[in-house]
Amino acid sequence: MASFDGAPARDSSGRQLGARTIVIQHVTMRPSRYKDVNGAVTPYIETVGSGKALVLRDGRSYLTRWKRSSPAGGTSFTRADGRPMPFAPGQVWIAYADADRR
């Protein structure tokens, strides 16, 4: 379940937000040519390539690897032994973390 500043995040009907599987995908982030209304640079997130990821589901965490070969393709997540990482049925949330800021 999602929380912000210690309070549950809720949708417009009052239900708490959350997903059965959450992926924290470590990616390269660099400045883009775009800025928000306050002038802050919007990051360009590189999702083609490979790297580490942390999958959270069923109260456990799994260290995995991600791989995406082209912009037109999907991303695969594999366990250390090379088997695909199964996700729980339902929503999957992906959060990008800067791989250079560990």
PDB file of N, CA and C in Angstrom:
ATOM      1  N   MET A   1       0.831  -1.165   0.000  1.00  0.00           N
ATOM      2  CA  MET A   1       0.000   0.000   0.000  1.00  0.00           C
ATOM      3  C   MET A   1       0.893   1.251   0.000  1.00  0.00           C
ATOM      4  N   ALA A   2       0.429   2.268  -0.652  1.00  0.00           N
ATOM      5  CA  ALA A   2       1.221   3.492  -0.798  1.00  0.00           C
ATOM      6  C   ALA A   2       0.894   4.488   0.309  1.00  0.00           C
ATOM      7  N   SER A   3       1.944   5.147   0.778  1.00  0.00           N
ATOM      8  CA  SER A   3       1.800   6.218   1.770  1.00  0.00           C
ATOM      9  C   SER A   3       2.720   7.356   1.396  1.00  0.00           C
ATOM     10  N   PHE A   4       2.301   8.558   1.723  1.00  0.00           N
ATOM     11  CA  PHE A   4       3.117   9.747   1.505  1.00  0.00           C
ATOM     12  C   PHE A   4       3.131  10.554   2.790  1.00  0.00           C
ATOM     13  N   ASP A   5       4.325  10.902   3.249  1.00  0.00           N
ATOM     14  CA  ASP A   5       4.491  11.660   4.489  1.00  0.00           C
ATOM     15  C   ASP A   5       3.782  10.990   5.664  1.00  0.00           C
ATOM     16  N   GLY A   6       3.798   9.654   5.671  1.00  0.00           N
ATOM     17  CA  GLY A   6       3.242   8.902   6.783  1.00  0.00           C
ATOM     18  C   GLY A   6       1.741   8.684   6.730  1.00  0.00           C
ATOM     19  N   ALA A   7       1.069   9.228   5.714  1.00  0.00           N
ATOM     20  CA  ALA A   7      -0.383   9.064   5.596  1.00  0.00           C
ATOM     21  C   ALA A   7      -0.698   8.184   4.384  1.00  0.00           C
ATOM     22  N   PRO A   8      -1.687   7.310   4.510  1.00  0.00           N
ATOM     23  CA  PRO A   8      -2.047   6.462   3.374  1.00  0.00           C
ATOM     24  C   PRO A   8      -2.467   7.310   2.167  1.00  0.00           C
ATOM     25  N   ALA A   9      -1.984   6.928   0.984  1.00  0.00           N
ATOM     26  CA  ALA A   9      -2.415   7.589  -0.258  1.00  0.00           C
ATOM     27  C   ALA A   9      -3.720   6.935  -0.686  1.00  0.00           C
ATOM     28  N   ARG A  10      -4.714   7.768  -0.997  1.00  0.00           N
ATOM     29  CA  ARG A  10      -6.046   7.251  -1.327  1.00  0.00           C
ATOM     30  C   ARG A  10      -6.538   7.799  -2.656  1.00  0.00           C
ATOM     31  N   ASP A  11      -7.392   7.017  -3.318  1.00  0.00           N
ATOM     32  CA  ASP A  11      -7.997   7.496  -4.549  1.00  0.00           C
ATOM     33  C   ASP A  11      -9.219   8.350  -4.203  1.00  0.00           C
ATOM     34  N   SER A  12      -9.917   8.835  -5.221  1.00  0.00           N
ATOM     35  CA  SER A  12     -11.040   9.755  -4.980  1.00  0.00           C
ATOM     36  C   SER A  12     -12.203   9.099  -4.247  1.00  0.00           C
ATOM     37  N   SER A  13     -12.270   7.772  -4.235  1.00  0.00           N
ATOM     38  CA  SER A  13     -13.342   7.094  -3.499  1.00  0.00           C
ATOM     39  C   SER A  13     -12.911   6.709  -2.083  1.00  0.00           C
ATOM     40  N   GLY A  14     -11.670   7.039  -1.710  1.00  0.00           N
ATOM     41  CA  GLY A  14     -11.200   6.754  -0.360  1.00  0.00           C
ATOM     42  C   GLY A  14     -10.423   5.461  -0.204  1.00  0.00           C
ATOM     43  N   ARG A  15     -10.322   4.657  -1.270  1.00  0.00           N
ATOM     44  CA  ARG A  15      -9.555   3.413  -1.184  1.00  0.00           C
ATOM     45  C   ARG A  15      -8.060   3.711  -1.190  1.00  0.00           C
ATOM     46  N   GLN A  16      -7.310   2.959  -0.373  1.00  0.00           N
ATOM     47  CA  GLN A  16      -5.868   3.163  -0.326  1.00  0.00           C
ATOM     48  C   GLN A  16      -5.232   2.644  -1.607  1.00  0.00           C
ATOM     49  N   LEU A  17      -4.302   3.438  -2.150  1.00  0.00           N
ATOM     50  CA  LEU A  17      -3.603   3.070  -3.371  1.00  0.00           C
ATOM     51  C   LEU A  17      -2.520   2.045  -3.081  1.00  0.00           C
ATOM     52  N   GLY A  18      -2.262   1.207  -4.053  1.00  0.00           N
ATOM     53  CA  GLY A  18      -1.200   0.227  -3.908  1.00  0.00           C
ATOM     54  C   GLY A  18      -1.221  -0.742  -5.070  1.00  0.00           C
ATOM     55  N   ALA A  19      -0.191  -1.534  -5.156  1.00  0.00           N
ATOM     56  CA  ALA A  19      -0.085  -2.545  -6.205  1.00  0.00           C
ATOM     57  C   ALA A  19       0.412  -3.835  -5.580  1.00  0.00           C
ATOM     58  N   ARG A  20       0.083  -4.944  -6.202  1.00  0.00           N
ATOM     59  CA  ARG A  20       0.524  -6.243  -5.691  1.00  0.00           C
ATOM     60  C   ARG A  20       2.014  -6.452  -5.906  1.00  0.00           C
ATOM     61  N   THR A  21       2.559  -5.829  -6.971  1.00  0.00           N
ATOM     62  CA  THR A  21       3.987  -5.927  -7.265  1.00  0.00           C
ATOM     63  C   THR A  21       4.520  -4.523  -7.498  1.00  0.00           C
ATOM     64  N   ILE A  22       5.637  -4.202  -6.851  1.00  0.00           N
ATOM     65  CA  ILE A  22       6.319  -2.927  -7.061  1.00  0.00           C
ATOM     66  C   ILE A  22       7.747  -3.232  -7.487  1.00  0.00           C
ATOM     67  N   VAL A  23       8.196  -2.579  -8.565  1.00  0.00           N
ATOM     68  CA  VAL A  23       9.541  -2.769  -9.089  1.00  0.00           C
ATOM     69  C   VAL A  23      10.302  -1.460  -8.935  1.00  0.00           C
ATOM     70  N   ILE A  24      11.467  -1.516  -8.326  1.00  0.00           N
ATOM     71  CA  ILE A  24      12.376  -0.367  -8.267  1.00  0.00           C
ATOM     72  C   ILE A  24      13.487  -0.679  -9.258  1.00  0.00           C
ATOM     73  N   GLN A  25      13.438  -0.003 -10.396  1.00  0.00           N
ATOM     74  CA  GLN A  25      14.339  -0.283 -11.512  1.00  0.00           C
ATOM     75  C   GLN A  25      15.452   0.760 -11.535  1.00  0.00           C
ATOM     76  N   HIS A  26      16.692   0.309 -11.381  1.00  0.00           N
ATOM     77  CA  HIS A  26      17.850   1.211 -11.384  1.00  0.00           C
ATOM     78  C   HIS A  26      18.252   1.490 -12.828  1.00  0.00           C
ATOM     79  N   VAL A  27      18.188   2.767 -13.211  1.00  0.00           N
ATOM     80  CA  VAL A  27      18.413   3.201 -14.589  1.00  0.00           C
ATOM     81  C   VAL A  27      19.357   4.395 -14.614  1.00  0.00           C
ATOM     82  N   THR A  28      19.853   4.710 -15.790  1.00  0.00           N
ATOM     83  CA  THR A  28      20.641   5.926 -15.960  1.00  0.00           C
ATOM     84  C   THR A  28      19.687   7.091 -16.171  1.00  0.00           C
ATOM     85  N   MET A  29      19.865   8.140 -15.384  1.00  0.00           N
ATOM     86  CA  MET A  29      19.069   9.358 -15.524  1.00  0.00           C
ATOM     87  C   MET A  29      20.027  10.494 -15.840  1.00  0.00           C
ATOM     88  N   ARG A  30      19.693  11.233 -16.876  1.00  0.00           N
ATOM     89  CA  ARG A  30      20.509  12.394 -17.221  1.00  0.00           C
ATOM     90  C   ARG A  30      19.585  13.556 -17.536  1.00  0.00           C
ATOM     91  N   PRO A  31      20.094  14.766 -17.507  1.00  0.00           N
ATOM     92  CA  PRO A  31      19.230  15.909 -17.806  1.00  0.00           C
ATOM     93  C   PRO A  31      18.708  15.849 -19.237  1.00  0.00           C
ATOM     94  N   SER A  32      17.445  16.204 -19.420  1.00  0.00           N
ATOM     95  CA  SER A  32      16.873  16.297 -20.762  1.00  0.00           C
ATOM     96  C   SER A  32      16.869  17.770 -21.180  1.00  0.00           C
ATOM     97  N   ARG A  33      16.355  18.043 -22.338  1.00  0.00           N
ATOM     98  CA  ARG A  33      16.261  19.432 -22.799  1.00  0.00           C
ATOM     99  C   ARG A  33      14.993  20.110 -22.289  1.00  0.00           C
ATOM    100  N   TYR A  34      14.164  19.370 -21.557  1.00  0.00           N
ATOM    101  CA  TYR A  34      12.880  19.890 -21.081  1.00  0.00           C
ATOM    102  C   TYR A  34      12.975  20.396 -19.649  1.00  0.00           C
ATOM    103  N   LYS A  35      12.132  21.373 -19.339  1.00  0.00           N
ATOM    104  CA  LYS A  35      12.053  21.942 -17.989  1.00  0.00           C
ATOM    105  C   LYS A  35      10.594  22.035 -17.573  1.00  0.00           C
ATOM    106  N   ASP A  36      10.366  21.997 -16.270  1.00  0.00           N
ATOM    107  CA  ASP A  36       9.001  22.167 -15.786  1.00  0.00           C
ATOM    108  C   ASP A  36       8.677  23.658 -15.675  1.00  0.00           C
ATOM    109  N   VAL A  37       7.504  23.986 -15.178  1.00  0.00           N
ATOM    110  CA  VAL A  37       7.059  25.386 -15.125  1.00  0.00           C
ATOM    111  C   VAL A  37       7.941  26.245 -14.218  1.00  0.00           C
ATOM    112  N   ASN A  38       8.669  25.625 -13.306  1.00  0.00           N
ATOM    113  CA  ASN A  38       9.556  26.366 -12.405  1.00  0.00           C
ATOM    114  C   ASN A  38      10.993  26.435 -12.908  1.00  0.00           C
ATOM    115  N   GLY A  39      11.239  25.839 -14.084  1.00  0.00           N
ATOM    116  CA  GLY A  39      12.575  25.870 -14.662  1.00  0.00           C
ATOM    117  C   GLY A  39      13.466  24.711 -14.284  1.00  0.00           C
ATOM    118  N   ALA A  40      12.957  23.774 -13.475  1.00  0.00           N
ATOM    119  CA  ALA A  40      13.751  22.598 -13.098  1.00  0.00           C
ATOM    120  C   ALA A  40      13.833  21.638 -14.287  1.00  0.00           C
ATOM    121  N   VAL A  41      15.000  21.095 -14.511  1.00  0.00           N
ATOM    122  CA  VAL A  41      15.220  20.186 -15.636  1.00  0.00           C
ATOM    123  C   VAL A  41      14.533  18.854 -15.372  1.00  0.00           C
ATOM    124  N   THR A  42      13.816  18.367 -16.375  1.00  0.00           N
ATOM    125  CA  THR A  42      13.174  17.062 -16.327  1.00  0.00           C
ATOM    126  C   THR A  42      14.207  16.003 -16.708  1.00  0.00           C
ATOM    127  N   PRO A  43      14.335  14.924 -15.946  1.00  0.00           N
ATOM    128  CA  PRO A  43      15.339  13.914 -16.305  1.00  0.00           C
ATOM    129  C   PRO A  43      14.933  13.100 -17.522  1.00  0.00           C
ATOM    130  N   TYR A  44      15.930  12.656 -18.259  1.00  0.00           N
ATOM    131  CA  TYR A  44      15.743  11.692 -19.340  1.00  0.00           C
ATOM    132  C   TYR A  44      16.118  10.349 -18.740  1.00  0.00           C
ATOM    133  N   ILE A  45      15.180   9.432 -18.732  1.00  0.00           N
ATOM    134  CA  ILE A  45      15.382   8.131 -18.097  1.00  0.00           C
ATOM    135  C   ILE A  45      15.648   7.093 -19.177  1.00  0.00           C
ATOM    136  N   GLU A  46      16.808   6.469 -19.119  1.00  0.00           N
ATOM    137  CA  GLU A  46      17.210   5.482 -20.113  1.00  0.00           C
ATOM    138  C   GLU A  46      16.707   4.100 -19.694  1.00  0.00           C
ATOM    139  N   THR A  47      15.694   3.626 -20.418  1.00  0.00           N
ATOM    140  CA  THR A  47      15.104   2.322 -20.097  1.00  0.00           C
ATOM    141  C   THR A  47      15.469   1.246 -21.109  1.00  0.00           C
ATOM    142  N   VAL A  48      16.304   1.571 -22.081  1.00  0.00           N
ATOM    143  CA  VAL A  48      16.830   0.564 -22.999  1.00  0.00           C
ATOM    144  C   VAL A  48      18.221   0.207 -22.487  1.00  0.00           C
ATOM    145  N   GLY A  49      18.467  -1.066 -22.306  1.00  0.00           N
ATOM    146  CA  GLY A  49      19.741  -1.534 -21.763  1.00  0.00           C
ATOM    147  C   GLY A  49      19.479  -2.611 -20.737  1.00  0.00           C
ATOM    148  N   SER A  50      20.246  -2.580 -19.657  1.00  0.00           N
ATOM    149  CA  SER A  50      20.073  -3.576 -18.605  1.00  0.00           C
ATOM    150  C   SER A  50      20.608  -3.018 -17.298  1.00  0.00           C
ATOM    151  N   GLY A  51      20.222  -3.656 -16.209  1.00  0.00           N
ATOM    152  CA  GLY A  51      20.679  -3.211 -14.901  1.00  0.00           C
ATOM    153  C   GLY A  51      20.014  -3.993 -13.787  1.00  0.00           C
ATOM    154  N   LYS A  52      20.133  -3.462 -12.580  1.00  0.00           N
ATOM    155  CA  LYS A  52      19.581  -4.103 -11.395  1.00  0.00           C
ATOM    156  C   LYS A  52      18.170  -3.582 -11.124  1.00  0.00           C
ATOM    157  N   ALA A  53      17.397  -4.419 -10.438  1.00  0.00           N
ATOM    158  CA  ALA A  53      16.067  -4.020 -10.005  1.00  0.00           C
ATOM    159  C   ALA A  53      15.744  -4.754  -8.712  1.00  0.00           C
ATOM    160  N   LEU A  54      14.850  -4.168  -7.948  1.00  0.00           N
ATOM    161  CA  LEU A  54      14.351  -4.784  -6.730  1.00  0.00           C
ATOM    162  C   LEU A  54      12.854  -4.964  -6.920  1.00  0.00           C
ATOM    163  N   VAL A  55      12.377  -6.186  -6.780  1.00  0.00           N
ATOM    164  CA  VAL A  55      10.957  -6.483  -6.927  1.00  0.00           C
ATOM    165  C   VAL A  55      10.384  -6.748  -5.543  1.00  0.00           C
ATOM    166  N   LEU A  56       9.299  -6.055  -5.225  1.00  0.00           N
ATOM    167  CA  LEU A  56       8.622  -6.208  -3.938  1.00  0.00           C
ATOM    168  C   LEU A  56       7.257  -6.832  -4.187  1.00  0.00           C
ATOM    169  N   ARG A  57       7.017  -7.979  -3.561  1.00  0.00           N
ATOM    170  CA  ARG A  57       5.705  -8.626  -3.677  1.00  0.00           C
ATOM    171  C   ARG A  57       5.527  -9.627  -2.552  1.00  0.00           C
ATOM    172  N   ASP A  58       4.304  -9.789  -2.113  1.00  0.00           N
ATOM    173  CA  ASP A  58       3.955 -10.764  -1.075  1.00  0.00           C
ATOM    174  C   ASP A  58       4.784 -10.575   0.193  1.00  0.00           C
ATOM    175  N   GLY A  59       5.121  -9.327   0.521  1.00  0.00           N
ATOM    176  CA  GLY A  59       5.871  -9.048   1.738  1.00  0.00           C
ATOM    177  C   GLY A  59       7.350  -9.392   1.670  1.00  0.00           C
ATOM    178  N   ARG A  60       7.861  -9.681   0.484  1.00  0.00           N
ATOM    179  CA  ARG A  60       9.273 -10.046   0.320  1.00  0.00           C
ATOM    180  C   ARG A  60       9.910  -9.159  -0.732  1.00  0.00           C
ATOM    181  N   SER A  61      11.246  -9.147  -0.754  1.00  0.00           N
ATOM    182  CA  SER A  61      11.980  -8.410  -1.788  1.00  0.00           C
ATOM    183  C   SER A  61      12.880  -9.383  -2.534  1.00  0.00           C
ATOM    184  N   TYR A  62      13.041  -9.122  -3.844  1.00  0.00           N
ATOM    185  CA  TYR A  62      13.822  -9.998  -4.707  1.00  0.00           C
ATOM    186  C   TYR A  62      14.794  -9.149  -5.524  1.00  0.00           C
ATOM    187  N   LEU A  63      16.082  -9.436  -5.408  1.00  0.00           N
ATOM    188  CA  LEU A  63      17.065  -8.780  -6.254  1.00  0.00           C
ATOM    189  C   LEU A  63      16.984  -9.412  -7.633  1.00  0.00           C
ATOM    190  N   THR A  64      16.827  -8.587  -8.646  1.00  0.00           N
ATOM    191  CA  THR A  64      16.672  -9.088 -10.003  1.00  0.00           C
ATOM    192  C   THR A  64      17.521  -8.261 -10.960  1.00  0.00           C
ATOM    193  N   ARG A  65      17.521  -8.684 -12.220  1.00  0.00           N
ATOM    194  CA  ARG A  65      18.148  -7.941 -13.318  1.00  0.00           C
ATOM    195  C   ARG A  65      17.053  -7.601 -14.313  1.00  0.00           C
ATOM    196  N   TRP A  66      17.144  -6.433 -14.910  1.00  0.00           N
ATOM    197  CA  TRP A  66      16.208  -6.065 -15.965  1.00  0.00           C
ATOM    198  C   TRP A  66      16.957  -5.950 -17.286  1.00  0.00           C
ATOM    199  N   LYS A  67      16.218  -6.154 -18.384  1.00  0.00           N
ATOM    200  CA  LYS A  67      16.813  -6.031 -19.711  1.00  0.00           C
ATOM    201  C   LYS A  67      15.733  -5.599 -20.694  1.00  0.00           C
ATOM    202  N   ARG A  68      16.085  -4.619 -21.510  1.00  0.00           N
ATOM    203  CA  ARG A  68      15.204  -4.150 -22.587  1.00  0.00           C
ATOM    204  C   ARG A  68      16.089  -3.852 -23.779  1.00  0.00           C
ATOM    205  N   SER A  69      15.908  -4.593 -24.855  1.00  0.00           N
ATOM    206  CA  SER A  69      16.809  -4.511 -26.004  1.00  0.00           C
ATOM    207  C   SER A  69      16.531  -3.353 -26.950  1.00  0.00           C
ATOM    208  N   SER A  70      15.272  -2.898 -27.029  1.00  0.00           N
ATOM    209  CA  SER A  70      14.947  -1.816 -27.949  1.00  0.00           C
ATOM    210  C   SER A  70      13.770  -1.011 -27.415  1.00  0.00           C
ATOM    211  N   PRO A  71      13.602   0.234 -27.894  1.00  0.00           N
ATOM    212  CA  PRO A  71      12.472   1.049 -27.442  1.00  0.00           C
ATOM    213  C   PRO A  71      11.108   0.423 -27.760  1.00  0.00           C
ATOM    214  N   ALA A  72      11.050  -0.405 -28.785  1.00  0.00           N
ATOM    215  CA  ALA A  72       9.787  -1.027 -29.172  1.00  0.00           C
ATOM    216  C   ALA A  72       9.491  -2.295 -28.379  1.00  0.00           C
ATOM    217  N   GLY A  73      10.465  -2.791 -27.619  1.00  0.00           N
ATOM    218  CA  GLY A  73      10.299  -4.049 -26.893  1.00  0.00           C
ATOM    219  C   GLY A  73       9.937  -3.838 -25.437  1.00  0.00           C
ATOM    220  N   GLY A  74       9.537  -4.921 -24.817  1.00  0.00           N
ATOM    221  CA  GLY A  74       9.219  -4.892 -23.397  1.00  0.00           C
ATOM    222  C   GLY A  74      10.457  -5.124 -22.547  1.00  0.00           C
ATOM    223  N   THR A  75      10.284  -4.991 -21.247  1.00  0.00           N
ATOM    224  CA  THR A  75      11.370  -5.191 -20.293  1.00  0.00           C
ATOM    225  C   THR A  75      11.179  -6.540 -19.613  1.00  0.00           C
ATOM    226  N   SER A  76      12.252  -7.311 -19.539  1.00  0.00           N
ATOM    227  CA  SER A  76      12.198  -8.585 -18.821  1.00  0.00           C
ATOM    228  C   SER A  76      12.934  -8.430 -17.494  1.00  0.00           C
ATOM    229  N   PHE A  77      12.466  -9.160 -16.508  1.00  0.00           N
ATOM    230  CA  PHE A  77      13.076  -9.161 -15.179  1.00  0.00           C
ATOM    231  C   PHE A  77      13.410 -10.601 -14.833  1.00  0.00           C
ATOM    232  N   THR A  78      14.665 -10.861 -14.471  1.00  0.00           N
ATOM    233  CA  THR A  78      15.095 -12.226 -14.173  1.00  0.00           C
ATOM    234  C   THR A  78      15.750 -12.293 -12.798  1.00  0.00           C
ATOM    235  N   ARG A  79      15.621 -13.451 -12.190  1.00  0.00           N
ATOM    236  CA  ARG A  79      16.255 -13.718 -10.903  1.00  0.00           C
ATOM    237  C   ARG A  79      17.732 -14.012 -11.121  1.00  0.00           C
ATOM    238  N   ALA A  80      18.468 -14.136 -10.033  1.00  0.00           N
ATOM    239  CA  ALA A  80      19.909 -14.400 -10.104  1.00  0.00           C
ATOM    240  C   ALA A  80      20.220 -15.702 -10.837  1.00  0.00           C
ATOM    241  N   ASP A  81      19.309 -16.681 -10.754  1.00  0.00           N
ATOM    242  CA  ASP A  81      19.547 -17.963 -11.412  1.00  0.00           C
ATOM    243  C   ASP A  81      19.121 -17.964 -12.883  1.00  0.00           C
ATOM    244  N   GLY A  82      18.676 -16.805 -13.400  1.00  0.00           N
ATOM    245  CA  GLY A  82      18.296 -16.686 -14.804  1.00  0.00           C
ATOM    246  C   GLY A  82      16.834 -16.952 -15.097  1.00  0.00           C
ATOM    247  N   ARG A  83      16.084 -17.428 -14.109  1.00  0.00           N
ATOM    248  CA  ARG A  83      14.657 -17.668 -14.323  1.00  0.00           C
ATOM    249  C   ARG A  83      13.889 -16.342 -14.328  1.00  0.00           C
ATOM    250  N   PRO A  84      12.800 -16.259 -15.099  1.00  0.00           N
ATOM    251  CA  PRO A  84      11.987 -15.039 -15.091  1.00  0.00           C
ATOM    252  C   PRO A  84      11.438 -14.759 -13.690  1.00  0.00           C
ATOM    253  N   MET A  85      11.351 -13.487 -13.336  1.00  0.00           N
ATOM    254  CA  MET A  85      10.778 -13.082 -12.054  1.00  0.00           C
ATOM    255  C   MET A  85       9.264 -13.008 -12.211  1.00  0.00           C
ATOM    256  N   PRO A  86       8.513 -13.855 -11.507  1.00  0.00           N
ATOM    257  CA  PRO A  86       7.056 -13.772 -11.619  1.00  0.00           C
ATOM    258  C   PRO A  86       6.513 -12.589 -10.817  1.00  0.00           C
ATOM    259  N   PHE A  87       5.542 -11.918 -11.380  1.00  0.00           N
ATOM    260  CA  PHE A  87       4.845 -10.833 -10.695  1.00  0.00           C
ATOM    261  C   PHE A  87       3.513 -11.370 -10.190  1.00  0.00           C
ATOM    262  N   ALA A  88       3.009 -10.778  -9.114  1.00  0.00           N
ATOM    263  CA  ALA A  88       1.703 -11.161  -8.598  1.00  0.00           C
ATOM    264  C   ALA A  88       0.628 -10.716  -9.593  1.00  0.00           C
ATOM    265  N   PRO A  89      -0.501 -11.412  -9.648  1.00  0.00           N
ATOM    266  CA  PRO A  89      -1.591 -10.953 -10.511  1.00  0.00           C
ATOM    267  C   PRO A  89      -2.035  -9.548 -10.084  1.00  0.00           C
ATOM    268  N   GLY A  90      -2.421  -8.736 -11.023  1.00  0.00           N
ATOM    269  CA  GLY A  90      -2.894  -7.389 -10.709  1.00  0.00           C
ATOM    270  C   GLY A  90      -1.906  -6.326 -11.139  1.00  0.00           C
ATOM    271  N   GLN A  91      -2.103  -5.138 -10.599  1.00  0.00           N
ATOM    272  CA  GLN A  91      -1.274  -3.996 -10.973  1.00  0.00           C
ATOM    273  C   GLN A  91       0.188  -4.190 -10.625  1.00  0.00           C
ATOM    274  N   VAL A  92       1.039  -3.623 -11.470  1.00  0.00           N
ATOM    275  CA  VAL A  92       2.479  -3.564 -11.227  1.00  0.00           C
ATOM    276  C   VAL A  92       2.867  -2.095 -11.294  1.00  0.00           C
ATOM    277  N   TRP A  93       3.523  -1.600 -10.257  1.00  0.00           N
ATOM    278  CA  TRP A  93       4.037  -0.229 -10.258  1.00  0.00           C
ATOM    279  C   TRP A  93       5.542  -0.307 -10.466  1.00  0.00           C
ATOM    280  N   ILE A  94       6.068   0.567 -11.336  1.00  0.00           N
ATOM    281  CA  ILE A  94       7.506   0.639 -11.551  1.00  0.00           C
ATOM    282  C   ILE A  94       7.985   2.026 -11.153  1.00  0.00           C
ATOM    283  N   ALA A  95       8.974   2.059 -10.286  1.00  0.00           N
ATOM    284  CA  ALA A  95       9.615   3.306  -9.876  1.00  0.00           C
ATOM    285  C   ALA A  95      11.049   3.271 -10.364  1.00  0.00           C
ATOM    286  N   TYR A  96      11.486   4.364 -10.980  1.00  0.00           N
ATOM    287  CA  TYR A  96      12.852   4.436 -11.482  1.00  0.00           C
ATOM    288  C   TYR A  96      13.745   5.097 -10.448  1.00  0.00           C
ATOM    289  N   ALA A  97      14.900   4.496 -10.209  1.00  0.00           N
ATOM    290  CA  ALA A  97      15.903   5.040  -9.295  1.00  0.00           C
ATOM    291  C   ALA A  97      17.188   5.265 -10.098  1.00  0.00           C
ATOM    292  N   ASP A  98      17.860   6.363  -9.818  1.00  0.00           N
ATOM    293  CA  ASP A  98      19.095   6.690 -10.537  1.00  0.00           C
ATOM    294  C   ASP A  98      20.203   5.724 -10.128  1.00  0.00           C
ATOM    295  N   ALA A  99      20.667   4.940 -11.089  1.00  0.00           N
ATOM    296  CA  ALA A  99      21.696   3.930 -10.815  1.00  0.00           C
ATOM    297  C   ALA A  99      22.997   4.560 -10.360  1.00  0.00           C
ATOM    298  N   ASP A 100      23.240   5.830 -10.704  1.00  0.00           N
ATOM    299  CA  ASP A 100      24.478   6.495 -10.329  1.00  0.00           C
ATOM    300  C   ASP A 100      24.426   7.088  -8.931  1.00  0.00           C
ATOM    301  N   ARG A 101      23.294   7.042  -8.259  1.00  0.00           N
ATOM    302  CA  ARG A 101      23.152   7.640  -6.917  1.00  0.00           C
ATOM    303  C   ARG A 101      22.934   6.572  -5.868  1.00  0.00           C
ATOM    304  N   ARG A 102      23.806   5.629  -5.778  1.00  0.00           N
ATOM    305  CA  ARG A 102      23.674   4.588  -4.740  1.00  0.00           C
ATOM    306  C   ARG A 102      24.673   4.802  -3.677  1.00  0.00           C
TER     307      ARG A 102
END
